[in-house]
Amino acid sequence: MPHLVLLYTPQIEEALDWGELCHQLADTMRAQRDEQAKAVFPTGGIRVLALPVRHFAVADGGAAGVAANRHGAHSGDYAFVYAQLRMGRGRSTAVHHQVGQALRAVLETFFAPLQQTRPVGVTLQIDEGQEVYDAKLSNLHPLFH
């Protein structure tokens, strides 16, 4: 943990460098510090994944965008990105807000050019909670000690 998963509608896959976005988000997570200037997230636990979804429905399917002439050359449904950061418990509300603002800034900058050409919704959520089961099979953490 932490794991940041991005799910996105497939019509924007070719328009963006998803690998670059994943690296930018991971770098941003790695740079976060808490109130004692300690890393918020362990480097070996940071995971950022971006996956296109196979089936989706967004809002009215594009009708309002077509009526407002916002689709341009694009046809079909609106584009959407759902980014969910899941982290373990124990961080302060201030750290949650700081991390959220930092990730939001990356997403805003990354998607701004695309949002100039088509309707794209982007949602970022951060969740933390008590796990009912948590198993880790990893040999990554020792690499960073």
C-alpha atoms as a PDB file:
ATOM      1  CA  MET A   1       0.000   0.000   0.000  1.00  0.00           C
ATOM      2  CA  PRO A   2      -0.583   2.719  -1.264  1.00  0.00           C
ATOM      3  CA  HIS A   3      -2.213   1.703  -4.512  1.00  0.00           C
ATOM      4  CA  LEU A   4      -3.557   4.220  -7.012  1.00  0.00           C
ATOM      5  CA  VAL A   5      -5.770   2.684  -9.689  1.00  0.00           C
ATOM      6  CA  LEU A   6      -6.997   4.650 -12.685  1.00  0.00           C
ATOM      7  CA  LEU A   7      -9.896   3.291 -14.689  1.00  0.00           C
ATOM      8  CA  TYR A   8     -10.656   5.109 -17.911  1.00  0.00           C
ATOM      9  CA  THR A   9     -12.991   4.903 -20.862  1.00  0.00           C
ATOM     10  CA  PRO A  10     -11.163   3.441 -23.852  1.00  0.00           C
ATOM     11  CA  GLN A  11     -11.856   6.202 -26.394  1.00  0.00           C
ATOM     12  CA  ILE A  12      -9.046   8.313 -24.848  1.00  0.00           C
ATOM     13  CA  GLU A  13      -6.429   5.571 -24.624  1.00  0.00           C
ATOM     14  CA  GLU A  14      -4.568   6.567 -27.784  1.00  0.00           C
ATOM     15  CA  ALA A  15      -4.767  10.305 -27.045  1.00  0.00           C
ATOM     16  CA  LEU A  16      -2.669  10.132 -23.879  1.00  0.00           C
ATOM     17  CA  ASP A  17       0.587   8.696 -22.574  1.00  0.00           C
ATOM     18  CA  TRP A  18      -0.791   6.618 -19.703  1.00  0.00           C
ATOM     19  CA  GLY A  19       2.643   5.309 -18.742  1.00  0.00           C
ATOM     20  CA  GLU A  20       3.870   8.875 -18.299  1.00  0.00           C
ATOM     21  CA  LEU A  21       0.863   9.719 -16.149  1.00  0.00           C
ATOM     22  CA  CYS A  22       1.518   6.670 -13.959  1.00  0.00           C
ATOM     23  CA  HIS A  23       5.137   7.760 -13.455  1.00  0.00           C
ATOM     24  CA  GLN A  24       4.135  11.351 -12.657  1.00  0.00           C
ATOM     25  CA  LEU A  25       1.626  10.174 -10.081  1.00  0.00           C
ATOM     26  CA  ALA A  26       4.097   7.729  -8.510  1.00  0.00           C
ATOM     27  CA  ASP A  27       6.743  10.473  -8.322  1.00  0.00           C
ATOM     28  CA  THR A  28       4.192  12.753  -6.658  1.00  0.00           C
ATOM     29  CA  MET A  29       3.314  10.076  -4.120  1.00  0.00           C
ATOM     30  CA  ARG A  30       6.988   9.440  -3.417  1.00  0.00           C
ATOM     31  CA  ALA A  31       7.578  13.161  -2.801  1.00  0.00           C
ATOM     32  CA  GLN A  32       4.878  13.522  -0.127  1.00  0.00           C
ATOM     33  CA  ARG A  33       6.051  14.250   3.433  1.00  0.00           C
ATOM     34  CA  ASP A  34       4.082  14.305   6.678  1.00  0.00           C
ATOM     35  CA  GLU A  35       4.195  16.841   9.489  1.00  0.00           C
ATOM     36  CA  GLN A  36       7.493  15.367  10.744  1.00  0.00           C
ATOM     37  CA  ALA A  37       9.024  15.505   7.221  1.00  0.00           C
ATOM     38  CA  LYS A  38       8.863  11.703   6.925  1.00  0.00           C
ATOM     39  CA  ALA A  39       7.810  10.026   3.703  1.00  0.00           C
ATOM     40  CA  VAL A  40       4.051   9.540   3.679  1.00  0.00           C
ATOM     41  CA  PHE A  41       4.299   6.378   1.587  1.00  0.00           C
ATOM     42  CA  PRO A  42       6.942   3.638   1.548  1.00  0.00           C
ATOM     43  CA  THR A  43       8.614   3.646  -1.866  1.00  0.00           C
ATOM     44  CA  GLY A  44       8.350  -0.126  -2.202  1.00  0.00           C
ATOM     45  CA  GLY A  45       4.601  -0.012  -1.630  1.00  0.00           C
ATOM     46  CA  ILE A  46       3.692   2.577  -4.257  1.00  0.00           C
ATOM     47  CA  ARG A  47       1.678   1.119  -7.117  1.00  0.00           C
ATOM     48  CA  VAL A  48       0.002   3.095  -9.888  1.00  0.00           C
ATOM     49  CA  LEU A  49      -2.055   1.208 -12.448  1.00  0.00           C
ATOM     50  CA  ALA A  50      -4.062   2.546 -15.395  1.00  0.00           C
ATOM     51  CA  LEU A  51      -6.612   0.308 -17.049  1.00  0.00           C
ATOM     52  CA  PRO A  52      -9.175   0.909 -19.798  1.00  0.00           C
ATOM     53  CA  VAL A  53     -12.646  -0.339 -18.962  1.00  0.00           C
ATOM     54  CA  ARG A  54     -14.432  -2.593 -21.389  1.00  0.00           C
ATOM     55  CA  HIS A  55     -18.011  -1.591 -20.655  1.00  0.00           C
ATOM     56  CA  PHE A  56     -19.228   1.794 -19.463  1.00  0.00           C
ATOM     57  CA  ALA A  57     -22.005   4.378 -19.497  1.00  0.00           C
ATOM     58  CA  VAL A  58     -21.371   8.048 -18.706  1.00  0.00           C
ATOM     59  CA  ALA A  59     -24.128  10.613 -18.098  1.00  0.00           C
ATOM     60  CA  ASP A  60     -26.489  10.817 -21.098  1.00  0.00           C
ATOM     61  CA  GLY A  61     -24.157   9.003 -23.466  1.00  0.00           C
ATOM     62  CA  GLY A  62     -23.011  12.149 -25.205  1.00  0.00           C
ATOM     63  CA  ALA A  63     -26.267  13.790 -26.267  1.00  0.00           C
ATOM     64  CA  ALA A  64     -25.703  17.061 -24.389  1.00  0.00           C
ATOM     65  CA  GLY A  65     -22.151  17.277 -25.701  1.00  0.00           C
ATOM     66  CA  VAL A  66     -23.360  16.843 -29.266  1.00  0.00           C
ATOM     67  CA  ALA A  67     -26.131  19.425 -28.743  1.00  0.00           C
ATOM     68  CA  ALA A  68     -23.580  21.893 -27.352  1.00  0.00           C
ATOM     69  CA  ASN A  69     -21.162  21.075 -30.212  1.00  0.00           C
ATOM     70  CA  ARG A  70     -18.572  19.965 -27.649  1.00  0.00           C
ATOM     71  CA  HIS A  71     -17.670  16.655 -29.274  1.00  0.00           C
ATOM     72  CA  GLY A  72     -16.028  18.130 -32.341  1.00  0.00           C
ATOM     73  CA  ALA A  73     -14.703  15.225 -34.402  1.00  0.00           C
ATOM     74  CA  HIS A  74     -15.286  12.770 -31.544  1.00  0.00           C
ATOM     75  CA  SER A  75     -18.296  10.522 -31.493  1.00  0.00           C
ATOM     76  CA  GLY A  76     -19.711   8.241 -28.876  1.00  0.00           C
ATOM     77  CA  ASP A  77     -19.833   8.571 -25.132  1.00  0.00           C
ATOM     78  CA  TYR A  78     -18.084  11.094 -22.950  1.00  0.00           C
ATOM     79  CA  ALA A  79     -14.684  10.153 -21.633  1.00  0.00           C
ATOM     80  CA  PHE A  80     -14.205   9.475 -17.941  1.00  0.00           C
ATOM     81  CA  VAL A  81     -11.309   8.719 -15.604  1.00  0.00           C
ATOM     82  CA  TYR A  82     -11.735   7.350 -12.093  1.00  0.00           C
ATOM     83  CA  ALA A  83      -8.627   7.522  -9.913  1.00  0.00           C
ATOM     84  CA  GLN A  84      -8.818   5.783  -6.548  1.00  0.00           C
ATOM     85  CA  LEU A  85      -5.978   5.895  -4.047  1.00  0.00           C
ATOM     86  CA  ARG A  86      -6.240   3.263  -1.360  1.00  0.00           C
ATOM     87  CA  MET A  87      -3.951   3.695   1.630  1.00  0.00           C
ATOM     88  CA  GLY A  88      -3.565   2.178   5.051  1.00  0.00           C
ATOM     89  CA  ARG A  89      -4.841   3.933   8.143  1.00  0.00           C
ATOM     90  CA  GLY A  90      -2.882   6.259  10.388  1.00  0.00           C
ATOM     91  CA  ARG A  91      -2.273   9.433   8.409  1.00  0.00           C
ATOM     92  CA  SER A  92      -3.655  12.796   9.496  1.00  0.00           C
ATOM     93  CA  THR A  93      -6.477  14.671   7.801  1.00  0.00           C
ATOM     94  CA  ALA A  94      -3.929  17.310   6.778  1.00  0.00           C
ATOM     95  CA  VAL A  95      -1.828  14.658   5.037  1.00  0.00           C
ATOM     96  CA  HIS A  96      -4.898  13.253   3.259  1.00  0.00           C
ATOM     97  CA  HIS A  97      -5.706  16.747   1.960  1.00  0.00           C
ATOM     98  CA  GLN A  98      -2.089  17.455   0.975  1.00  0.00           C
ATOM     99  CA  VAL A  99      -1.795  14.180  -0.949  1.00  0.00           C
ATOM    100  CA  GLY A 100      -5.151  14.766  -2.624  1.00  0.00           C
ATOM    101  CA  GLN A 101      -4.206  18.287  -3.711  1.00  0.00           C
ATOM    102  CA  ALA A 102      -0.837  17.114  -5.065  1.00  0.00           C
ATOM    103  CA  LEU A 103      -2.395  14.269  -7.079  1.00  0.00           C
ATOM    104  CA  ARG A 104      -5.212  16.549  -8.273  1.00  0.00           C
ATOM    105  CA  ALA A 105      -2.658  19.039  -9.587  1.00  0.00           C
ATOM    106  CA  VAL A 106      -0.967  16.304 -11.650  1.00  0.00           C
ATOM    107  CA  LEU A 107      -4.300  15.109 -13.034  1.00  0.00           C
ATOM    108  CA  GLU A 108      -5.466  18.645 -13.808  1.00  0.00           C
ATOM    109  CA  THR A 109      -2.294  19.461 -15.729  1.00  0.00           C
ATOM    110  CA  PHE A 110      -2.261  16.135 -17.551  1.00  0.00           C
ATOM    111  CA  PHE A 111      -5.892  16.232 -18.684  1.00  0.00           C
ATOM    112  CA  ALA A 112      -6.173  19.969 -19.441  1.00  0.00           C
ATOM    113  CA  PRO A 113      -5.177  19.669 -23.125  1.00  0.00           C
ATOM    114  CA  LEU A 114      -7.642  16.837 -23.728  1.00  0.00           C
ATOM    115  CA  GLN A 115     -10.416  18.724 -21.934  1.00  0.00           C
ATOM    116  CA  GLN A 116      -9.918  21.550 -24.441  1.00  0.00           C
ATOM    117  CA  THR A 117     -11.022  19.200 -27.227  1.00  0.00           C
ATOM    118  CA  ARG A 118     -13.701  16.994 -25.656  1.00  0.00           C
ATOM    119  CA  PRO A 119     -15.781  16.462 -22.515  1.00  0.00           C
ATOM    120  CA  VAL A 120     -13.789  14.412 -19.997  1.00  0.00           C
ATOM    121  CA  GLY A 121     -14.766  13.787 -16.396  1.00  0.00           C
ATOM    122  CA  VAL A 122     -11.987  13.067 -13.913  1.00  0.00           C
ATOM    123  CA  THR A 123     -12.657  11.902 -10.360  1.00  0.00           C
ATOM    124  CA  LEU A 124     -10.032  11.374  -7.651  1.00  0.00           C
ATOM    125  CA  GLN A 125     -10.946   9.610  -4.427  1.00  0.00           C
ATOM    126  CA  ILE A 126      -8.744   8.660  -1.511  1.00  0.00           C
ATOM    127  CA  ASP A 127      -9.879   5.835   0.721  1.00  0.00           C
ATOM    128  CA  GLU A 128      -8.415   4.472   3.890  1.00  0.00           C
ATOM    129  CA  GLY A 129      -9.858   1.959   6.191  1.00  0.00           C
ATOM    130  CA  GLN A 130      -9.576  -1.136   8.203  1.00  0.00           C
ATOM    131  CA  GLU A 131      -8.813  -4.115   6.087  1.00  0.00           C
ATOM    132  CA  VAL A 132     -10.697  -7.277   6.849  1.00  0.00           C
ATOM    133  CA  TYR A 133      -7.938  -9.266   5.177  1.00  0.00           C
ATOM    134  CA  ASP A 134      -4.569  -8.017   3.976  1.00  0.00           C
ATOM    135  CA  ALA A 135      -1.950 -10.305   2.480  1.00  0.00           C
ATOM    136  CA  LYS A 136       1.253  -9.122   0.874  1.00  0.00           C
ATOM    137  CA  LEU A 137       3.604 -11.295  -1.114  1.00  0.00           C
ATOM    138  CA  SER A 138       6.409  -8.953  -2.085  1.00  0.00           C
ATOM    139  CA  ASN A 139      10.169  -8.865  -2.229  1.00  0.00           C
ATOM    140  CA  LEU A 140      10.200  -5.175  -3.265  1.00  0.00           C
ATOM    141  CA  HIS A 141      10.422  -3.473   0.141  1.00  0.00           C
ATOM    142  CA  PRO A 142      13.943  -4.748   0.986  1.00  0.00           C
ATOM    143  CA  LEU A 143      15.236  -2.999  -2.127  1.00  0.00           C
ATOM    144  CA  PHE A 144      14.559   0.385  -0.499  1.00  0.00           C
ATOM    145  CA  HIS A 145      16.060  -0.167   2.968  1.00  0.00           C
END
